[in-house]
Amino acid sequence: MSITGNLKINLSHSQEAKARAAVALYRYNTKATGIDDRAPIGAELYDPAGKVLGGLWGRTELGLLFLDMFFLPHRLRGSGYGARLLAVVEEEAKRRGCHRAVVETSSFQAPGFYVHRGYQEFGRIEFGVAAHARIFLSKHL
């Protein structure tokens, strides 16, 4: 089937369209690699009452740990809980067969945290805020 001429492009914020595209792309990747191993991963920090205070979330896929979001309240930063959350997630990723981890952060967030734990920068892109950039880091697990 050939499609030409009458297609239309619109800006979109459709989460449904994005979800359908993600499924189609994952099917394509699975067919191309023969590997179907994507799984969510995460660790959460709870207070004594059971309230989630923060955590680290991502996914494992194709032998990689992708760290998507890491949050701790300001009062808990530097307490060692971040390092413990990261260690728990990295250990689970290794158990799942991952050999590398990848994270994207901003220069004003936590690149030093990751570097201190063995991550190495492999890319940096400046963005619209003076003297700040997106930083890409990876680590052999």
C-alpha atoms as a PDB file:
ATOM      1  CA  MET A   1       0.000   0.000   0.000  1.00  0.00           C
ATOM      2  CA  SER A   2       1.387   3.368  -1.003  1.00  0.00           C
ATOM      3  CA  ILE A   3       0.435   6.525   0.871  1.00  0.00           C
ATOM      4  CA  THR A   4       1.261   9.845  -0.752  1.00  0.00           C
ATOM      5  CA  GLY A   5       0.070  13.389  -0.998  1.00  0.00           C
ATOM      6  CA  ASN A   6      -2.794  13.671   1.462  1.00  0.00           C
ATOM      7  CA  LEU A   7      -0.999  13.096   4.736  1.00  0.00           C
ATOM      8  CA  LYS A   8      -1.179  15.788   7.406  1.00  0.00           C
ATOM      9  CA  ILE A   9       1.180  16.699  10.262  1.00  0.00           C
ATOM     10  CA  ASN A  10      -0.043  18.369  13.461  1.00  0.00           C
ATOM     11  CA  LEU A  11       1.702  19.141  16.719  1.00  0.00           C
ATOM     12  CA  SER A  12       0.382  16.725  19.316  1.00  0.00           C
ATOM     13  CA  HIS A  13       0.363  15.955  23.011  1.00  0.00           C
ATOM     14  CA  SER A  14      -1.597  12.731  22.591  1.00  0.00           C
ATOM     15  CA  GLN A  15      -0.458  10.201  25.176  1.00  0.00           C
ATOM     16  CA  GLU A  16      -2.529   7.555  23.372  1.00  0.00           C
ATOM     17  CA  ALA A  17      -0.705   8.095  20.071  1.00  0.00           C
ATOM     18  CA  LYS A  18       2.639   8.076  21.880  1.00  0.00           C
ATOM     19  CA  ALA A  19       1.744   4.809  23.635  1.00  0.00           C
ATOM     20  CA  ARG A  20       0.711   3.158  20.326  1.00  0.00           C
ATOM     21  CA  ALA A  21       3.953   4.314  18.710  1.00  0.00           C
ATOM     22  CA  ALA A  22       5.974   2.983  21.648  1.00  0.00           C
ATOM     23  CA  VAL A  23       4.360  -0.443  21.279  1.00  0.00           C
ATOM     24  CA  ALA A  24       5.011  -0.479  17.516  1.00  0.00           C
ATOM     25  CA  LEU A  25       8.622   0.614  17.985  1.00  0.00           C
ATOM     26  CA  TYR A  26       9.225  -2.001  20.655  1.00  0.00           C
ATOM     27  CA  ARG A  27       7.787  -4.697  18.356  1.00  0.00           C
ATOM     28  CA  TYR A  28      10.151  -3.526  15.613  1.00  0.00           C
ATOM     29  CA  ASN A  29      13.135  -3.602  17.997  1.00  0.00           C
ATOM     30  CA  THR A  30      12.203  -7.065  19.248  1.00  0.00           C
ATOM     31  CA  LYS A  31      11.922  -8.376  15.706  1.00  0.00           C
ATOM     32  CA  ALA A  32      15.264  -6.806  14.720  1.00  0.00           C
ATOM     33  CA  THR A  33      17.172  -8.112  17.773  1.00  0.00           C
ATOM     34  CA  GLY A  34      15.258 -11.252  18.720  1.00  0.00           C
ATOM     35  CA  ILE A  35      15.286  -9.998  22.315  1.00  0.00           C
ATOM     36  CA  ASP A  36      12.106  -9.252  24.253  1.00  0.00           C
ATOM     37  CA  ASP A  37      13.339  -8.327  27.725  1.00  0.00           C
ATOM     38  CA  ARG A  38      12.067  -4.823  28.559  1.00  0.00           C
ATOM     39  CA  ALA A  39      11.002  -4.567  32.188  1.00  0.00           C
ATOM     40  CA  PRO A  40      10.447  -1.697  34.593  1.00  0.00           C
ATOM     41  CA  ILE A  41      12.856  -1.368  37.503  1.00  0.00           C
ATOM     42  CA  GLY A  42      12.878   0.827  40.557  1.00  0.00           C
ATOM     43  CA  ALA A  43      13.477   1.259  44.241  1.00  0.00           C
ATOM     44  CA  GLU A  44      11.603   3.528  46.626  1.00  0.00           C
ATOM     45  CA  LEU A  45      12.452   5.089  49.964  1.00  0.00           C
ATOM     46  CA  TYR A  46       9.671   5.011  52.578  1.00  0.00           C
ATOM     47  CA  ASP A  47       9.243   6.797  55.893  1.00  0.00           C
ATOM     48  CA  PRO A  48       8.215   4.781  59.002  1.00  0.00           C
ATOM     49  CA  ALA A  49       4.519   5.454  58.235  1.00  0.00           C
ATOM     50  CA  GLY A  50       4.859   3.905  54.769  1.00  0.00           C
ATOM     51  CA  LYS A  51       4.825   7.152  52.764  1.00  0.00           C
ATOM     52  CA  VAL A  52       7.057   7.148  49.676  1.00  0.00           C
ATOM     53  CA  LEU A  53       9.667   9.904  50.073  1.00  0.00           C
ATOM     54  CA  GLY A  54      11.542   9.348  46.830  1.00  0.00           C
ATOM     55  CA  GLY A  55      13.068   6.747  44.626  1.00  0.00           C
ATOM     56  CA  LEU A  56      14.810   5.708  41.461  1.00  0.00           C
ATOM     57  CA  TRP A  57      12.906   4.392  38.448  1.00  0.00           C
ATOM     58  CA  GLY A  58      13.846   3.156  35.003  1.00  0.00           C
ATOM     59  CA  ARG A  59      13.855   0.053  32.877  1.00  0.00           C
ATOM     60  CA  THR A  60      16.104  -2.776  31.778  1.00  0.00           C
ATOM     61  CA  GLU A  61      16.314  -3.663  28.116  1.00  0.00           C
ATOM     62  CA  LEU A  62      18.803  -5.244  25.696  1.00  0.00           C
ATOM     63  CA  GLY A  63      21.392  -5.727  28.435  1.00  0.00           C
ATOM     64  CA  LEU A  64      21.169  -2.076  29.525  1.00  0.00           C
ATOM     65  CA  LEU A  65      19.866  -0.361  32.626  1.00  0.00           C
ATOM     66  CA  PHE A  66      18.193   2.927  31.689  1.00  0.00           C
ATOM     67  CA  LEU A  67      17.768   5.263  34.659  1.00  0.00           C
ATOM     68  CA  ASP A  68      14.812   7.535  33.912  1.00  0.00           C
ATOM     69  CA  MET A  69      13.984   9.395  37.115  1.00  0.00           C
ATOM     70  CA  PHE A  70      15.677   9.783  40.493  1.00  0.00           C
ATOM     71  CA  PHE A  71      14.213  11.939  43.229  1.00  0.00           C
ATOM     72  CA  LEU A  72      14.989  12.533  46.870  1.00  0.00           C
ATOM     73  CA  PRO A  73      13.694  15.453  48.934  1.00  0.00           C
ATOM     74  CA  HIS A  74      16.364  18.082  49.523  1.00  0.00           C
ATOM     75  CA  ARG A  75      16.613  17.220  53.236  1.00  0.00           C
ATOM     76  CA  LEU A  76      17.672  13.639  52.398  1.00  0.00           C
ATOM     77  CA  ARG A  77      20.298  14.448  49.786  1.00  0.00           C
ATOM     78  CA  GLY A  78      23.817  13.647  50.959  1.00  0.00           C
ATOM     79  CA  SER A  79      22.480  11.192  53.553  1.00  0.00           C
ATOM     80  CA  GLY A  80      23.569   8.040  51.717  1.00  0.00           C
ATOM     81  CA  TYR A  81      20.036   7.025  50.758  1.00  0.00           C
ATOM     82  CA  GLY A  82      20.604   7.978  47.113  1.00  0.00           C
ATOM     83  CA  ALA A  83      23.674   5.757  46.896  1.00  0.00           C
ATOM     84  CA  ARG A  84      21.749   2.908  48.505  1.00  0.00           C
ATOM     85  CA  LEU A  85      18.827   3.290  46.075  1.00  0.00           C
ATOM     86  CA  LEU A  86      21.234   3.295  43.118  1.00  0.00           C
ATOM     87  CA  ALA A  87      23.074   0.219  44.432  1.00  0.00           C
ATOM     88  CA  VAL A  88      19.805  -1.724  44.850  1.00  0.00           C
ATOM     89  CA  VAL A  89      18.710  -0.917  41.286  1.00  0.00           C
ATOM     90  CA  GLU A  90      22.140  -1.684  39.797  1.00  0.00           C
ATOM     91  CA  GLU A  91      22.267  -5.050  41.579  1.00  0.00           C
ATOM     92  CA  GLU A  92      18.823  -5.990  40.270  1.00  0.00           C
ATOM     93  CA  ALA A  93      19.863  -4.905  36.758  1.00  0.00           C
ATOM     94  CA  LYS A  94      22.941  -7.138  36.959  1.00  0.00           C
ATOM     95  CA  ARG A  95      20.746 -10.019  38.118  1.00  0.00           C
ATOM     96  CA  ARG A  96      18.656  -9.410  34.988  1.00  0.00           C
ATOM     97  CA  GLY A  97      21.771  -9.666  32.812  1.00  0.00           C
ATOM     98  CA  CYS A  98      22.538  -5.984  32.276  1.00  0.00           C
ATOM     99  CA  HIS A  99      26.166  -5.052  31.656  1.00  0.00           C
ATOM    100  CA  ARG A 100      25.882  -1.258  31.375  1.00  0.00           C
ATOM    101  CA  ALA A 101      23.825   1.548  32.848  1.00  0.00           C
ATOM    102  CA  VAL A 102      22.851   4.798  31.120  1.00  0.00           C
ATOM    103  CA  VAL A 103      21.521   8.001  32.662  1.00  0.00           C
ATOM    104  CA  GLU A 104      20.682  11.491  31.434  1.00  0.00           C
ATOM    105  CA  THR A 105      20.772  14.369  33.925  1.00  0.00           C
ATOM    106  CA  SER A 106      21.109  18.140  33.948  1.00  0.00           C
ATOM    107  CA  SER A 107      24.240  19.986  34.983  1.00  0.00           C
ATOM    108  CA  PHE A 108      22.345  21.552  37.912  1.00  0.00           C
ATOM    109  CA  GLN A 109      20.992  18.201  39.091  1.00  0.00           C
ATOM    110  CA  ALA A 110      23.345  15.367  39.974  1.00  0.00           C
ATOM    111  CA  PRO A 111      26.155  14.610  37.509  1.00  0.00           C
ATOM    112  CA  GLY A 112      28.681  14.552  40.351  1.00  0.00           C
ATOM    113  CA  PHE A 113      26.613  11.978  42.211  1.00  0.00           C
ATOM    114  CA  TYR A 114      26.874   9.591  39.270  1.00  0.00           C
ATOM    115  CA  VAL A 115      30.557  10.300  38.542  1.00  0.00           C
ATOM    116  CA  HIS A 116      31.368   9.571  42.206  1.00  0.00           C
ATOM    117  CA  ARG A 117      29.737   6.147  41.704  1.00  0.00           C
ATOM    118  CA  GLY A 118      31.687   5.147  38.611  1.00  0.00           C
ATOM    119  CA  TYR A 119      29.656   6.716  35.804  1.00  0.00           C
ATOM    120  CA  GLN A 120      31.518   8.427  32.969  1.00  0.00           C
ATOM    121  CA  GLU A 121      30.220  11.262  30.848  1.00  0.00           C
ATOM    122  CA  PHE A 122      29.875  10.416  27.163  1.00  0.00           C
ATOM    123  CA  GLY A 123      27.909  13.404  25.945  1.00  0.00           C
ATOM    124  CA  ARG A 124      26.798  16.904  26.796  1.00  0.00           C
ATOM    125  CA  ILE A 125      24.339  19.232  25.091  1.00  0.00           C
ATOM    126  CA  GLU A 126      23.919  22.830  26.219  1.00  0.00           C
ATOM    127  CA  PHE A 127      20.348  24.021  26.508  1.00  0.00           C
ATOM    128  CA  GLY A 128      18.523  27.347  26.754  1.00  0.00           C
ATOM    129  CA  VAL A 129      19.669  28.211  30.279  1.00  0.00           C
ATOM    130  CA  ALA A 130      23.085  29.879  30.386  1.00  0.00           C
ATOM    131  CA  ALA A 131      25.924  27.605  31.521  1.00  0.00           C
ATOM    132  CA  HIS A 132      23.704  24.519  31.826  1.00  0.00           C
ATOM    133  CA  ALA A 133      23.530  21.322  29.808  1.00  0.00           C
ATOM    134  CA  ARG A 134      22.014  17.871  29.568  1.00  0.00           C
ATOM    135  CA  ILE A 135      24.687  15.355  30.501  1.00  0.00           C
ATOM    136  CA  PHE A 136      24.728  11.717  29.420  1.00  0.00           C
ATOM    137  CA  LEU A 137      26.623   9.200  31.536  1.00  0.00           C
ATOM    138  CA  SER A 138      27.203   5.448  31.480  1.00  0.00           C
ATOM    139  CA  LYS A 139      28.770   2.810  33.672  1.00  0.00           C
ATOM    140  CA  HIS A 140      29.897  -0.784  33.277  1.00  0.00           C
ATOM    141  CA  LEU A 141      27.999  -2.851  35.840  1.00  0.00           C
END
